[in-house]
């Protein structure tokens, strides 16, 4: 599996989108997906505000960390996309200690 594994979460929705990084070696011609629900999507350059946290991730843990990041950004007067956020996971499910996770909000231009 590649890292990070991204999950796009829209506030107020119960569905989300999971994204996997295509290694640089295969980015110019990635394999075609075999399932209709799987798509190849190119993400352009973006600037994000990040909050890091450890442990195993659950939905309520992600939303709590996203809330804390949003509160911090608002307190500091930062402009960001408030209707959605990303989560980023960097560790194998088999790694038990010193796990690294992030929540991201996109900076508004």
PDB file of N, CA and C in Angstrom:
ATOM      1  N   UNK A   1       0.850  -1.176   0.000  1.00  0.00           N
ATOM      2  CA  UNK A   1       0.000   0.000   0.000  1.00  0.00           C
ATOM      3  C   UNK A   1       0.894   1.238   0.000  1.00  0.00           C
ATOM      4  N   UNK A   2       0.418   2.291  -0.628  1.00  0.00           N
ATOM      5  CA  UNK A   2       1.179   3.533  -0.701  1.00  0.00           C
ATOM      6  C   UNK A   2       0.712   4.485   0.387  1.00  0.00           C
ATOM      7  N   UNK A   3       1.561   5.449   0.689  1.00  0.00           N
ATOM      8  CA  UNK A   3       1.198   6.442   1.700  1.00  0.00           C
ATOM      9  C   UNK A   3       1.414   7.830   1.122  1.00  0.00           C
ATOM     10  N   UNK A   4       0.672   8.807   1.584  1.00  0.00           N
ATOM     11  CA  UNK A   4      -0.408   8.664   2.547  1.00  0.00           C
ATOM     12  C   UNK A   4      -1.686   8.127   1.896  1.00  0.00           C
ATOM     13  N   UNK A   5      -2.539   7.556   2.726  1.00  0.00           N
ATOM     14  CA  UNK A   5      -3.892   7.207   2.305  1.00  0.00           C
ATOM     15  C   UNK A   5      -4.757   8.391   2.720  1.00  0.00           C
ATOM     16  N   UNK A   6      -5.393   9.028   1.733  1.00  0.00           N
ATOM     17  CA  UNK A   6      -6.214  10.209   2.004  1.00  0.00           C
ATOM     18  C   UNK A   6      -7.690   9.840   2.030  1.00  0.00           C
ATOM     19  N   UNK A   7      -8.417  10.506   2.885  1.00  0.00           N
ATOM     20  CA  UNK A   7      -9.871  10.361   2.917  1.00  0.00           C
ATOM     21  C   UNK A   7     -10.460  11.759   2.913  1.00  0.00           C
ATOM     22  N   UNK A   8     -11.326  12.041   1.940  1.00  0.00           N
ATOM     23  CA  UNK A   8     -12.016  13.324   1.834  1.00  0.00           C
ATOM     24  C   UNK A   8     -13.339  13.197   2.567  1.00  0.00           C
ATOM     25  N   UNK A   9     -13.532  14.042   3.576  1.00  0.00           N
ATOM     26  CA  UNK A   9     -14.737  14.004   4.404  1.00  0.00           C
ATOM     27  C   UNK A   9     -15.471  15.328   4.246  1.00  0.00           C
ATOM     28  N   UNK A  10     -16.738  15.253   3.843  1.00  0.00           N
ATOM     29  CA  UNK A  10     -17.572  16.444   3.717  1.00  0.00           C
ATOM     30  C   UNK A  10     -18.457  16.537   4.948  1.00  0.00           C
ATOM     31  N   UNK A  11     -18.441  17.696   5.596  1.00  0.00           N
ATOM     32  CA  UNK A  11     -19.262  17.881   6.796  1.00  0.00           C
ATOM     33  C   UNK A  11     -20.732  17.644   6.470  1.00  0.00           C
ATOM     34  N   UNK A  12     -21.419  16.899   7.323  1.00  0.00           N
ATOM     35  CA  UNK A  12     -22.837  16.637   7.141  1.00  0.00           C
ATOM     36  C   UNK A  12     -23.149  15.452   6.245  1.00  0.00           C
ATOM     37  N   UNK A  13     -22.125  14.783   5.733  1.00  0.00           N
ATOM     38  CA  UNK A  13     -22.338  13.639   4.855  1.00  0.00           C
ATOM     39  C   UNK A  13     -21.824  12.370   5.529  1.00  0.00           C
ATOM     40  N   UNK A  14     -22.451  11.247   5.218  1.00  0.00           N
ATOM     41  CA  UNK A  14     -21.978   9.979   5.775  1.00  0.00           C
ATOM     42  C   UNK A  14     -21.089   9.228   4.792  1.00  0.00           C
ATOM     43  N   UNK A  15     -20.945   9.732   3.574  1.00  0.00           N
ATOM     44  CA  UNK A  15     -20.063   9.089   2.598  1.00  0.00           C
ATOM     45  C   UNK A  15     -18.752   9.874   2.505  1.00  0.00           C
ATOM     46  N   UNK A  16     -17.725   9.218   2.011  1.00  0.00           N
ATOM     47  CA  UNK A  16     -16.415   9.837   1.874  1.00  0.00           C
ATOM     48  C   UNK A  16     -15.675   9.186   0.718  1.00  0.00           C
ATOM     49  N   UNK A  17     -14.586   9.807   0.295  1.00  0.00           N
ATOM     50  CA  UNK A  17     -13.766   9.311  -0.798  1.00  0.00           C
ATOM     51  C   UNK A  17     -12.381   8.978  -0.268  1.00  0.00           C
ATOM     52  N   UNK A  18     -11.897   7.775  -0.570  1.00  0.00           N
ATOM     53  CA  UNK A  18     -10.564   7.343  -0.165  1.00  0.00           C
ATOM     54  C   UNK A  18      -9.653   7.396  -1.386  1.00  0.00           C
ATOM     55  N   UNK A  19      -8.448   7.936  -1.205  1.00  0.00           N
ATOM     56  CA  UNK A  19      -7.481   8.059  -2.302  1.00  0.00           C
ATOM     57  C   UNK A  19      -6.162   7.421  -1.921  1.00  0.00           C
ATOM     58  N   UNK A  20      -5.564   6.747  -2.899  1.00  0.00           N
ATOM     59  CA  UNK A  20      -4.248   6.138  -2.725  1.00  0.00           C
ATOM     60  C   UNK A  20      -3.275   6.810  -3.677  1.00  0.00           C
ATOM     61  N   UNK A  21      -2.072   7.029  -3.220  1.00  0.00           N
ATOM     62  CA  UNK A  21      -1.022   7.653  -4.014  1.00  0.00           C
ATOM     63  C   UNK A  21      -0.510   6.657  -5.054  1.00  0.00           C
ATOM     64  N   UNK A  22      -0.418   7.092  -6.302  1.00  0.00           N
ATOM     65  CA  UNK A  22       0.187   6.278  -7.349  1.00  0.00           C
ATOM     66  C   UNK A  22       1.681   6.592  -7.349  1.00  0.00           C
ATOM     67  N   UNK A  23       2.529   5.577  -7.179  1.00  0.00           N
ATOM     68  CA  UNK A  23       3.982   5.829  -7.156  1.00  0.00           C
ATOM     69  C   UNK A  23       4.448   6.574  -8.411  1.00  0.00           C
ATOM     70  N   UNK A  24       5.479   7.391  -8.251  1.00  0.00           N
ATOM     71  CA  UNK A  24       5.986   8.222  -9.343  1.00  0.00           C
ATOM     72  C   UNK A  24       6.286   7.397 -10.592  1.00  0.00           C
ATOM     73  N   UNK A  25       6.804   6.203 -10.430  1.00  0.00           N
ATOM     74  CA  UNK A  25       7.154   5.335 -11.548  1.00  0.00           C
ATOM     75  C   UNK A  25       5.957   5.068 -12.457  1.00  0.00           C
ATOM     76  N   UNK A  26       4.752   5.043 -11.909  1.00  0.00           N
ATOM     77  CA  UNK A  26       3.551   4.689 -12.667  1.00  0.00           C
ATOM     78  C   UNK A  26       2.627   5.869 -12.964  1.00  0.00           C
ATOM     79  N   UNK A  27       2.998   7.069 -12.561  1.00  0.00           N
ATOM     80  CA  UNK A  27       2.088   8.200 -12.722  1.00  0.00           C
ATOM     81  C   UNK A  27       1.845   8.587 -14.169  1.00  0.00           C
ATOM     82  N   UNK A  28       2.808   8.384 -15.050  1.00  0.00           N
ATOM     83  CA  UNK A  28       2.607   8.783 -16.446  1.00  0.00           C
ATOM     84  C   UNK A  28       1.633   7.857 -17.162  1.00  0.00           C
ATOM     85  N   UNK A  29       1.516   6.615 -16.712  1.00  0.00           N
ATOM     86  CA  UNK A  29       0.571   5.679 -17.341  1.00  0.00           C
ATOM     87  C   UNK A  29       0.083   4.654 -16.303  1.00  0.00           C
ATOM     88  N   UNK A  30      -0.784   5.098 -15.392  1.00  0.00           N
ATOM     89  CA  UNK A  30      -1.283   4.167 -14.369  1.00  0.00           C
ATOM     90  C   UNK A  30      -2.198   3.111 -14.999  1.00  0.00           C
ATOM     91  N   UNK A  31      -2.261   1.963 -14.358  1.00  0.00           N
ATOM     92  CA  UNK A  31      -3.157   0.911 -14.823  1.00  0.00           C
ATOM     93  C   UNK A  31      -4.602   1.391 -14.771  1.00  0.00           C
ATOM     94  N   UNK A  32      -5.393   0.958 -15.714  1.00  0.00           N
ATOM     95  CA  UNK A  32      -6.807   1.327 -15.734  1.00  0.00           C
ATOM     96  C   UNK A  32      -7.534   0.571 -14.629  1.00  0.00           C
ATOM     97  N   UNK A  33      -8.406   1.245 -13.887  1.00  0.00           N
ATOM     98  CA  UNK A  33      -9.169   0.568 -12.836  1.00  0.00           C
ATOM     99  C   UNK A  33     -10.073  -0.515 -13.420  1.00  0.00           C
ATOM    100  N   UNK A  34     -10.275  -1.581 -12.660  1.00  0.00           N
ATOM    101  CA  UNK A  34     -11.147  -2.663 -13.114  1.00  0.00           C
ATOM    102  C   UNK A  34     -12.566  -2.515 -12.567  1.00  0.00           C
ATOM    103  N   UNK A  35     -12.774  -1.597 -11.662  1.00  0.00           N
ATOM    104  CA  UNK A  35     -14.094  -1.351 -11.082  1.00  0.00           C
ATOM    105  C   UNK A  35     -14.569   0.044 -11.470  1.00  0.00           C
ATOM    106  N   UNK A  36     -15.861   0.170 -11.747  1.00  0.00           N
ATOM    107  CA  UNK A  36     -16.438   1.437 -12.179  1.00  0.00           C
ATOM    108  C   UNK A  36     -16.309   2.536 -11.117  1.00  0.00           C
ATOM    109  N   UNK A  37     -16.377   2.151  -9.845  1.00  0.00           N
ATOM    110  CA  UNK A  37     -16.316   3.132  -8.755  1.00  0.00           C
ATOM    111  C   UNK A  37     -14.908   3.669  -8.507  1.00  0.00           C
ATOM    112  N   UNK A  38     -13.905   3.019  -9.102  1.00  0.00           N
ATOM    113  CA  UNK A  38     -12.509   3.427  -8.914  1.00  0.00           C
ATOM    114  C   UNK A  38     -12.110   4.328 -10.080  1.00  0.00           C
ATOM    115  N   UNK A  39     -11.556   5.478  -9.755  1.00  0.00           N
ATOM    116  CA  UNK A  39     -11.148   6.428 -10.790  1.00  0.00           C
ATOM    117  C   UNK A  39      -9.698   6.860 -10.550  1.00  0.00           C
ATOM    118  N   UNK A  40      -9.064   7.316 -11.596  1.00  0.00           N
ATOM    119  CA  UNK A  40      -7.739   7.933 -11.499  1.00  0.00           C
ATOM    120  C   UNK A  40      -7.988   9.430 -11.470  1.00  0.00           C
ATOM    121  N   UNK A  41      -7.526  10.075 -10.417  1.00  0.00           N
ATOM    122  CA  UNK A  41      -7.744  11.507 -10.252  1.00  0.00           C
ATOM    123  C   UNK A  41      -6.395  12.178  -9.997  1.00  0.00           C
ATOM    124  N   UNK A  42      -6.118  13.217 -10.745  1.00  0.00           N
ATOM    125  CA  UNK A  42      -4.886  13.966 -10.535  1.00  0.00           C
ATOM    126  C   UNK A  42      -5.179  15.152  -9.635  1.00  0.00           C
ATOM    127  N   UNK A  43      -4.454  15.233  -8.532  1.00  0.00           N
ATOM    128  CA  UNK A  43      -4.610  16.366  -7.624  1.00  0.00           C
ATOM    129  C   UNK A  43      -3.501  17.366  -7.932  1.00  0.00           C
ATOM    130  N   UNK A  44      -3.915  18.579  -8.099  1.00  0.00           N
ATOM    131  CA  UNK A  44      -2.939  19.631  -8.349  1.00  0.00           C
ATOM    132  C   UNK A  44      -2.274  20.069  -7.057  1.00  0.00           C
ATOM    133  N   UNK A  45      -1.398  21.011  -7.187  1.00  0.00           N
ATOM    134  CA  UNK A  45      -0.716  21.563  -6.019  1.00  0.00           C
ATOM    135  C   UNK A  45      -1.733  22.233  -5.110  1.00  0.00           C
ATOM    136  N   UNK A  46      -1.580  22.048  -3.822  1.00  0.00           N
ATOM    137  CA  UNK A  46      -2.479  22.687  -2.870  1.00  0.00           C
ATOM    138  C   UNK A  46      -1.712  23.019  -1.602  1.00  0.00           C
ATOM    139  N   UNK A  47      -2.204  24.029  -0.908  1.00  0.00           N
ATOM    140  CA  UNK A  47      -1.637  24.414   0.382  1.00  0.00           C
ATOM    141  C   UNK A  47      -2.639  24.014   1.446  1.00  0.00           C
ATOM    142  N   UNK A  48      -2.165  23.289   2.456  1.00  0.00           N
ATOM    143  CA  UNK A  48      -3.066  22.789   3.495  1.00  0.00           C
ATOM    144  C   UNK A  48      -2.569  23.192   4.877  1.00  0.00           C
ATOM    145  N   UNK A  49      -3.512  23.333   5.790  1.00  0.00           N
ATOM    146  CA  UNK A  49      -3.213  23.483   7.202  1.00  0.00           C
ATOM    147  C   UNK A  49      -3.332  22.087   7.812  1.00  0.00           C
ATOM    148  N   UNK A  50      -2.382  21.703   8.653  1.00  0.00           N
ATOM    149  CA  UNK A  50      -2.287  20.321   9.121  1.00  0.00           C
ATOM    150  C   UNK A  50      -2.266  20.252  10.637  1.00  0.00           C
ATOM    151  N   UNK A  51      -2.971  19.248  11.161  1.00  0.00           N
ATOM    152  CA  UNK A  51      -2.880  18.890  12.576  1.00  0.00           C
ATOM    153  C   UNK A  51      -2.498  17.414  12.632  1.00  0.00           C
ATOM    154  N   UNK A  52      -1.410  17.106  13.335  1.00  0.00           N
ATOM    155  CA  UNK A  52      -0.922  15.732  13.467  1.00  0.00           C
ATOM    156  C   UNK A  52      -1.414  15.121  14.772  1.00  0.00           C
ATOM    157  N   UNK A  53      -1.642  13.814  14.743  1.00  0.00           N
ATOM    158  CA  UNK A  53      -2.038  13.091  15.962  1.00  0.00           C
ATOM    159  C   UNK A  53      -1.664  11.628  15.811  1.00  0.00           C
ATOM    160  N   UNK A  54      -1.598  10.930  16.921  1.00  0.00           N
ATOM    161  CA  UNK A  54      -1.192   9.526  16.915  1.00  0.00           C
ATOM    162  C   UNK A  54      -2.352   8.592  17.172  1.00  0.00           C
ATOM    163  N   UNK A  55      -2.026   7.327  17.295  1.00  0.00           N
ATOM    164  CA  UNK A  55      -3.013   6.311  17.633  1.00  0.00           C
ATOM    165  C   UNK A  55      -3.726   5.753  16.419  1.00  0.00           C
ATOM    166  N   UNK A  56      -4.660   4.851  16.691  1.00  0.00           N
ATOM    167  CA  UNK A  56      -5.496   4.294  15.640  1.00  0.00           C
ATOM    168  C   UNK A  56      -6.651   5.245  15.366  1.00  0.00           C
ATOM    169  N   UNK A  57      -7.034   5.361  14.102  1.00  0.00           N
ATOM    170  CA  UNK A  57      -8.018   6.349  13.694  1.00  0.00           C
ATOM    171  C   UNK A  57      -9.416   5.729  13.646  1.00  0.00           C
ATOM    172  N   UNK A  58     -10.347   6.468  14.199  1.00  0.00           N
ATOM    173  CA  UNK A  58     -11.777   6.163  14.110  1.00  0.00           C
ATOM    174  C   UNK A  58     -12.459   7.430  13.614  1.00  0.00           C
ATOM    175  N   UNK A  59     -13.683   7.296  13.157  1.00  0.00           N
ATOM    176  CA  UNK A  59     -14.403   8.458  12.635  1.00  0.00           C
ATOM    177  C   UNK A  59     -14.511   9.588  13.628  1.00  0.00           C
ATOM    178  N   UNK A  60     -14.833   9.260  14.887  1.00  0.00           N
ATOM    179  CA  UNK A  60     -14.980  10.319  15.885  1.00  0.00           C
ATOM    180  C   UNK A  60     -13.641  10.957  16.234  1.00  0.00           C
ATOM    181  N   UNK A  61     -12.558  10.194  16.154  1.00  0.00           N
ATOM    182  CA  UNK A  61     -11.216  10.748  16.404  1.00  0.00           C
ATOM    183  C   UNK A  61     -10.870  11.746  15.304  1.00  0.00           C
ATOM    184  N   UNK A  62     -11.118  11.369  14.038  1.00  0.00           N
ATOM    185  CA  UNK A  62     -10.850  12.279  12.915  1.00  0.00           C
ATOM    186  C   UNK A  62     -11.660  13.555  13.032  1.00  0.00           C
ATOM    187  N   UNK A  63     -12.954  13.427  13.286  1.00  0.00           N
ATOM    188  CA  UNK A  63     -13.804  14.614  13.342  1.00  0.00           C
ATOM    189  C   UNK A  63     -13.423  15.509  14.516  1.00  0.00           C
ATOM    190  N   UNK A  64     -13.022  14.912  15.626  1.00  0.00           N
ATOM    191  CA  UNK A  64     -12.575  15.704  16.774  1.00  0.00           C
ATOM    192  C   UNK A  64     -11.295  16.464  16.472  1.00  0.00           C
ATOM    193  N   UNK A  65     -10.349  15.808  15.816  1.00  0.00           N
ATOM    194  CA  UNK A  65      -9.094  16.475  15.450  1.00  0.00           C
ATOM    195  C   UNK A  65      -9.353  17.564  14.412  1.00  0.00           C
ATOM    196  N   UNK A  66     -10.258  17.310  13.466  1.00  0.00           N
ATOM    197  CA  UNK A  66     -10.610  18.328  12.460  1.00  0.00           C
ATOM    198  C   UNK A  66     -11.256  19.537  13.137  1.00  0.00           C
ATOM    199  N   UNK A  67     -12.108  19.279  14.118  1.00  0.00           N
ATOM    200  CA  UNK A  67     -12.759  20.384  14.850  1.00  0.00           C
ATOM    201  C   UNK A  67     -11.708  21.224  15.567  1.00  0.00           C
ATOM    202  N   UNK A  68     -10.745  20.569  16.223  1.00  0.00           N
ATOM    203  CA  UNK A  68      -9.689  21.303  16.927  1.00  0.00           C
ATOM    204  C   UNK A  68      -8.851  22.142  15.964  1.00  0.00           C
ATOM    205  N   UNK A  69      -8.537  21.582  14.797  1.00  0.00           N
ATOM    206  CA  UNK A  69      -7.779  22.339  13.800  1.00  0.00           C
ATOM    207  C   UNK A  69      -8.586  23.535  13.314  1.00  0.00           C
ATOM    208  N   UNK A  70      -9.869  23.328  13.018  1.00  0.00           N
ATOM    209  CA  UNK A  70     -10.722  24.432  12.543  1.00  0.00           C
ATOM    210  C   UNK A  70     -10.804  25.537  13.593  1.00  0.00           C
ATOM    211  N   UNK A  71     -10.968  25.168  14.854  1.00  0.00           N
ATOM    212  CA  UNK A  71     -11.029  26.172  15.923  1.00  0.00           C
ATOM    213  C   UNK A  71      -9.742  26.974  15.992  1.00  0.00           C
ATOM    214  N   UNK A  72      -8.615  26.299  15.867  1.00  0.00           N
ATOM    215  CA  UNK A  72      -7.312  26.964  15.906  1.00  0.00           C
ATOM    216  C   UNK A  72      -7.154  27.926  14.723  1.00  0.00           C
ATOM    217  N   UNK A  73      -7.558  27.481  13.537  1.00  0.00           N
ATOM    218  CA  UNK A  73      -7.443  28.326  12.345  1.00  0.00           C
ATOM    219  C   UNK A  73      -8.332  29.557  12.450  1.00  0.00           C
ATOM    220  N   UNK A  74      -9.551  29.383  12.939  1.00  0.00           N
ATOM    221  CA  UNK A  74     -10.459  30.517  13.110  1.00  0.00           C
ATOM    222  C   UNK A  74      -9.910  31.497  14.135  1.00  0.00           C
ATOM    223  N   UNK A  75      -9.377  30.978  15.232  1.00  0.00           N
ATOM    224  CA  UNK A  75      -8.795  31.830  16.281  1.00  0.00           C
ATOM    225  C   UNK A  75      -7.641  32.664  15.724  1.00  0.00           C
ATOM    226  N   UNK A  76      -6.871  32.050  14.796  1.00  0.00           N
ATOM    227  CA  UNK A  76      -5.719  32.742  14.214  1.00  0.00           C
ATOM    228  C   UNK A  76      -6.071  33.554  12.967  1.00  0.00           C
ATOM    229  N   UNK A  77      -7.357  33.603  12.603  1.00  0.00           N
ATOM    230  CA  UNK A  77      -7.791  34.410  11.471  1.00  0.00           C
ATOM    231  C   UNK A  77      -7.402  33.851  10.113  1.00  0.00           C
ATOM    232  N   UNK A  78      -7.208  32.555  10.009  1.00  0.00           N
ATOM    233  CA  UNK A  78      -6.824  31.931   8.737  1.00  0.00           C
ATOM    234  C   UNK A  78      -8.069  31.624   7.915  1.00  0.00           C
ATOM    235  N   UNK A  79      -7.955  31.780   6.610  1.00  0.00           N
ATOM    236  CA  UNK A  79      -9.054  31.510   5.690  1.00  0.00           C
ATOM    237  C   UNK A  79      -8.864  30.120   5.090  1.00  0.00           C
ATOM    238  N   UNK A  80      -9.884  29.250   5.242  1.00  0.00           N
ATOM    239  CA  UNK A  80      -9.763  27.872   4.769  1.00  0.00           C
ATOM    240  C   UNK A  80     -11.113  27.345   4.308  1.00  0.00           C
ATOM    241  N   UNK A  81     -11.086  26.273   3.527  1.00  0.00           N
ATOM    242  CA  UNK A  81     -12.306  25.614   3.046  1.00  0.00           C
ATOM    243  C   UNK A  81     -12.947  24.877   4.218  1.00  0.00           C
ATOM    244  N   UNK A  82     -14.059  25.366   4.714  1.00  0.00           N
ATOM    245  CA  UNK A  82     -14.654  24.826   5.932  1.00  0.00           C
ATOM    246  C   UNK A  82     -15.630  23.681   5.710  1.00  0.00           C
ATOM    247  N   UNK A  83     -16.081  23.462   4.468  1.00  0.00           N
ATOM    248  CA  UNK A  83     -17.126  22.463   4.254  1.00  0.00           C
ATOM    249  C   UNK A  83     -16.605  21.035   4.135  1.00  0.00           C
ATOM    250  N   UNK A  84     -15.289  20.863   4.036  1.00  0.00           N
ATOM    251  CA  UNK A  84     -14.719  19.515   3.973  1.00  0.00           C
ATOM    252  C   UNK A  84     -13.301  19.533   4.543  1.00  0.00           C
ATOM    253  N   UNK A  85     -12.792  18.339   4.828  1.00  0.00           N
ATOM    254  CA  UNK A  85     -11.402  18.180   5.262  1.00  0.00           C
ATOM    255  C   UNK A  85     -10.886  16.843   4.779  1.00  0.00           C
ATOM    256  N   UNK A  86      -9.574  16.682   4.816  1.00  0.00           N
ATOM    257  CA  UNK A  86      -8.937  15.417   4.478  1.00  0.00           C
ATOM    258  C   UNK A  86      -8.349  14.803   5.740  1.00  0.00           C
ATOM    259  N   UNK A  87      -8.310  13.481   5.770  1.00  0.00           N
ATOM    260  CA  UNK A  87      -7.495  12.784   6.750  1.00  0.00           C
ATOM    261  C   UNK A  87      -6.374  12.104   5.977  1.00  0.00           C
ATOM    262  N   UNK A  88      -5.223  11.983   6.599  1.00  0.00           N
ATOM    263  CA  UNK A  88      -4.081  11.324   5.966  1.00  0.00           C
ATOM    264  C   UNK A  88      -3.510  10.312   6.951  1.00  0.00           C
ATOM    265  N   UNK A  89      -3.403   9.079   6.496  1.00  0.00           N
ATOM    266  CA  UNK A  89      -2.821   8.017   7.313  1.00  0.00           C
ATOM    267  C   UNK A  89      -1.516   7.561   6.704  1.00  0.00           C
ATOM    268  N   UNK A  90      -0.517   7.358   7.546  1.00  0.00           N
ATOM    269  CA  UNK A  90       0.822   7.043   7.063  1.00  0.00           C
ATOM    270  C   UNK A  90       1.334   5.674   7.494  1.00  0.00           C
ATOM    271  N   UNK A  91       0.573   4.933   8.279  1.00  0.00           N
ATOM    272  CA  UNK A  91       1.093   3.692   8.843  1.00  0.00           C
ATOM    273  C   UNK A  91       0.289   2.466   8.430  1.00  0.00           C
ATOM    274  N   UNK A  92       0.976   1.345   8.390  1.00  0.00           N
ATOM    275  CA  UNK A  92       0.341   0.051   8.159  1.00  0.00           C
ATOM    276  C   UNK A  92      -0.602  -0.250   9.318  1.00  0.00           C
ATOM    277  N   UNK A  93      -1.687  -0.959   9.058  1.00  0.00           N
ATOM    278  CA  UNK A  93      -2.579  -1.345  10.156  1.00  0.00           C
ATOM    279  C   UNK A  93      -1.884  -2.232  11.191  1.00  0.00           C
ATOM    280  N   UNK A  94      -0.749  -2.823  10.806  1.00  0.00           N
ATOM    281  CA  UNK A  94      -0.023  -3.714  11.714  1.00  0.00           C
ATOM    282  C   UNK A  94       0.932  -2.972  12.639  1.00  0.00           C
ATOM    283  N   UNK A  95       1.156  -1.685  12.379  1.00  0.00           N
ATOM    284  CA  UNK A  95       2.017  -0.890  13.260  1.00  0.00           C
ATOM    285  C   UNK A  95       1.208  -0.495  14.492  1.00  0.00           C
ATOM    286  N   UNK A  96       1.697  -0.843  15.658  1.00  0.00           N
ATOM    287  CA  UNK A  96       0.934  -0.628  16.880  1.00  0.00           C
ATOM    288  C   UNK A  96       1.302   0.647  17.621  1.00  0.00           C
ATOM    289  N   UNK A  97       2.562   1.062  17.542  1.00  0.00           N
ATOM    290  CA  UNK A  97       3.027   2.210  18.324  1.00  0.00           C
ATOM    291  C   UNK A  97       3.558   3.308  17.416  1.00  0.00           C
ATOM    292  N   UNK A  98       3.601   4.519  17.956  1.00  0.00           N
ATOM    293  CA  UNK A  98       4.171   5.682  17.257  1.00  0.00           C
ATOM    294  C   UNK A  98       3.537   5.891  15.882  1.00  0.00           C
ATOM    295  N   UNK A  99       2.223   5.814  15.829  1.00  0.00           N
ATOM    296  CA  UNK A  99       1.498   6.002  14.578  1.00  0.00           C
ATOM    297  C   UNK A  99       1.393   7.499  14.250  1.00  0.00           C
ATOM    298  N   UNK A 100       1.355   7.808  12.942  1.00  0.00           N
ATOM    299  CA  UNK A 100       1.284   9.203  12.499  1.00  0.00           C
ATOM    300  C   UNK A 100       0.052   9.378  11.611  1.00  0.00           C
ATOM    301  N   UNK A 101      -0.834  10.279  12.008  1.00  0.00           N
ATOM    302  CA  UNK A 101      -2.041  10.622  11.263  1.00  0.00           C
ATOM    303  C   UNK A 101      -2.142  12.132  11.188  1.00  0.00           C
ATOM    304  N   UNK A 102      -2.890  12.604  10.206  1.00  0.00           N
ATOM    305  CA  UNK A 102      -3.089  14.038  10.047  1.00  0.00           C
ATOM    306  C   UNK A 102      -4.531  14.338   9.627  1.00  0.00           C
ATOM    307  N   UNK A 103      -4.992  15.533   9.935  1.00  0.00           N
ATOM    308  CA  UNK A 103      -6.189  16.106   9.322  1.00  0.00           C
ATOM    309  C   UNK A 103      -5.734  17.368   8.595  1.00  0.00           C
ATOM    310  N   UNK A 104      -6.338  17.630   7.435  1.00  0.00           N
ATOM    311  CA  UNK A 104      -5.966  18.748   6.605  1.00  0.00           C
ATOM    312  C   UNK A 104      -7.192  19.586   6.276  1.00  0.00           C
ATOM    313  N   UNK A 105      -7.022  20.892   6.312  1.00  0.00           N
ATOM    314  CA  UNK A 105      -7.982  21.830   5.721  1.00  0.00           C
ATOM    315  C   UNK A 105      -7.243  22.572   4.612  1.00  0.00           C
ATOM    316  N   UNK A 106      -7.892  22.760   3.470  1.00  0.00           N
ATOM    317  CA  UNK A 106      -7.286  23.488   2.361  1.00  0.00           C
ATOM    318  C   UNK A 106      -7.335  24.985   2.619  1.00  0.00           C
ATOM    319  N   UNK A 107      -6.226  25.638   2.361  1.00  0.00           N
ATOM    320  CA  UNK A 107      -6.154  27.089   2.482  1.00  0.00           C
ATOM    321  C   UNK A 107      -6.912  27.709   1.329  1.00  0.00           C
ATOM    322  N   UNK A 108      -7.726  28.733   1.641  1.00  0.00           N
ATOM    323  CA  UNK A 108      -8.411  29.492   0.576  1.00  0.00           C
ATOM    324  C   UNK A 108      -7.404  30.442  -0.052  1.00  0.00           C
ATOM    325  N   UNK A 109      -7.513  30.590  -1.368  1.00  0.00           N
ATOM    326  CA  UNK A 109      -6.602  31.518  -2.069  1.00  0.00           C
ATOM    327  C   UNK A 109      -7.043  32.947  -1.892  1.00  0.00           C
TER     328      UNK A 109
END
